[in-house]
């Protein structure tokens, strides 16, 4: 089980980096349209494409991948370290519960945003 969680955590972590970079680059292009060609090395040729990527494509995808990453990482930490001492077990339990509550709230917001 922990190897599956480690794989999910690593894969989602690897996916988060380029998604975050794309979000940052398209956000700068939206702020200063003349930067579109410079920041993206011509890959995103126009301002409207940056707006589409930044506001309609990336946020939900980045949120869902981030949710999978944080939940997998919290579960991995809990499975590896919950047996070391009682204080760590309590802290990991609180962290795990907080992650799940916030993940469910965030997932609800994303689903409502996508379907509305």
Protein backbone atom coordinates (compact mmCIF):
# COMPACT_ATOMS: atom_id res chain seq x y z
CA UNK A 1 0.00 0.00 0.00
CA UNK A 2 2.74 2.47 0.86
CA UNK A 3 4.53 1.82 -2.43
CA UNK A 4 1.34 2.71 -4.30
CA UNK A 5 0.98 5.88 -2.23
CA UNK A 6 4.62 6.77 -2.87
CA UNK A 7 4.11 6.28 -6.61
CA UNK A 8 0.97 8.44 -6.62
CA UNK A 9 2.72 11.12 -4.57
CA UNK A 10 5.75 11.15 -6.88
CA UNK A 11 3.73 11.14 -10.10
CA UNK A 12 1.40 13.91 -8.99
CA UNK A 13 4.38 15.90 -7.73
CA UNK A 14 6.00 15.59 -11.14
CA UNK A 15 2.75 16.73 -12.82
CA UNK A 16 2.39 19.73 -10.51
CA UNK A 17 5.64 21.38 -11.63
CA UNK A 18 4.81 21.90 -15.33
CA UNK A 19 1.18 22.76 -14.55
CA UNK A 20 2.29 25.40 -12.08
CA UNK A 21 4.83 26.77 -14.57
CA UNK A 22 2.16 26.96 -17.27
CA UNK A 23 -0.15 28.73 -14.86
CA UNK A 24 2.53 31.25 -13.92
CA UNK A 25 3.58 31.93 -17.52
CA UNK A 26 0.03 32.33 -18.77
CA UNK A 27 -0.73 34.59 -15.79
CA UNK A 28 2.18 36.89 -16.62
CA UNK A 29 1.07 36.94 -20.25
CA UNK A 30 -2.39 38.04 -19.13
CA UNK A 31 -0.92 40.80 -17.03
CA UNK A 32 1.38 42.12 -19.74
CA UNK A 33 0.25 41.00 -23.21
CA UNK A 34 3.55 42.03 -24.80
CA UNK A 35 5.27 39.32 -22.72
CA UNK A 36 3.33 36.52 -24.44
CA UNK A 37 5.94 35.79 -27.07
CA UNK A 38 8.93 36.34 -24.79
CA UNK A 39 7.89 34.23 -21.79
CA UNK A 40 6.52 31.32 -23.76
CA UNK A 41 9.27 31.38 -26.40
CA UNK A 42 6.56 31.72 -29.03
CA UNK A 43 4.77 28.52 -27.95
CA UNK A 44 1.69 30.46 -26.85
CA UNK A 45 1.35 32.85 -29.71
CA UNK A 46 -1.42 35.13 -28.59
CA UNK A 47 -2.98 36.78 -25.57
CA UNK A 48 -6.34 34.98 -25.95
CA UNK A 49 -4.66 31.59 -25.71
CA UNK A 50 -2.95 32.62 -22.45
CA UNK A 51 -6.30 33.76 -21.06
CA UNK A 52 -7.91 30.45 -22.07
CA UNK A 53 -5.14 28.40 -20.44
CA UNK A 54 -4.90 30.48 -17.27
CA UNK A 55 -8.57 30.92 -16.51
CA UNK A 56 -10.36 27.95 -18.06
CA UNK A 57 -7.97 25.01 -18.38
CA UNK A 58 -5.31 25.05 -15.69
CA UNK A 59 -7.09 25.95 -12.41
CA UNK A 60 -9.29 22.86 -12.15
CA UNK A 61 -6.59 20.50 -13.40
CA UNK A 62 -4.00 22.01 -11.06
CA UNK A 63 -6.45 21.74 -8.16
CA UNK A 64 -7.32 18.10 -8.83
CA UNK A 65 -3.70 17.02 -9.24
CA UNK A 66 -2.77 18.99 -6.12
CA UNK A 67 -5.56 17.29 -4.17
CA UNK A 68 -4.39 13.85 -5.23
CA UNK A 69 -0.83 14.80 -4.27
CA UNK A 70 -1.63 16.12 -0.80
CA UNK A 71 -3.97 13.24 0.06
CA UNK A 72 -1.48 10.61 -1.13
CA UNK A 73 1.35 12.31 0.74
CA UNK A 74 -0.69 12.58 3.96
CA UNK A 75 -1.64 8.91 3.75
CA UNK A 76 1.97 7.94 3.00
CA UNK A 77 3.27 9.89 6.01
CA UNK A 78 0.61 8.34 8.22
CA UNK A 79 1.34 4.81 7.07
CA UNK A 80 5.09 5.20 7.54
CA UNK A 81 5.35 7.08 10.82
CA UNK A 82 2.19 6.54 12.89
CA UNK A 83 3.76 3.78 14.95
CA UNK A 84 6.83 5.67 16.17
CA UNK A 85 5.45 7.44 19.23
CA UNK A 86 2.07 8.56 20.61
CA UNK A 87 2.61 12.30 20.06
CA UNK A 88 3.57 11.76 16.43
CA UNK A 89 0.54 9.50 16.01
CA UNK A 90 -1.75 12.27 17.29
CA UNK A 91 -0.11 14.92 15.09
CA UNK A 92 -0.31 12.72 12.01
CA UNK A 93 -3.95 11.93 12.77
CA UNK A 94 -4.81 15.62 13.06
CA UNK A 95 -2.89 16.40 9.86
CA UNK A 96 -4.55 13.53 8.01
CA UNK A 97 -8.03 14.55 9.16
CA UNK A 98 -7.39 18.19 8.23
CA UNK A 99 -6.14 17.18 4.77
CA UNK A 100 -9.19 15.05 4.10
CA UNK A 101 -11.64 17.73 5.28
CA UNK A 102 -9.96 20.45 3.20
CA UNK A 103 -9.66 18.12 0.21
CA UNK A 104 -13.37 17.32 0.32
CA UNK A 105 -14.29 21.01 0.62
CA UNK A 106 -11.98 21.89 -2.27
CA UNK A 107 -13.26 19.03 -4.40
CA UNK A 108 -16.84 20.17 -3.77
CA UNK A 109 -15.94 23.69 -4.88
CA UNK A 110 -14.23 22.42 -8.04
CA UNK A 111 -17.16 20.16 -8.95
CA UNK A 112 -19.65 22.99 -8.40
CA UNK A 113 -17.47 25.35 -10.46
CA UNK A 114 -17.13 22.88 -13.33
CA UNK A 115 -20.81 21.96 -13.46
CA UNK A 116 -22.19 25.47 -12.97
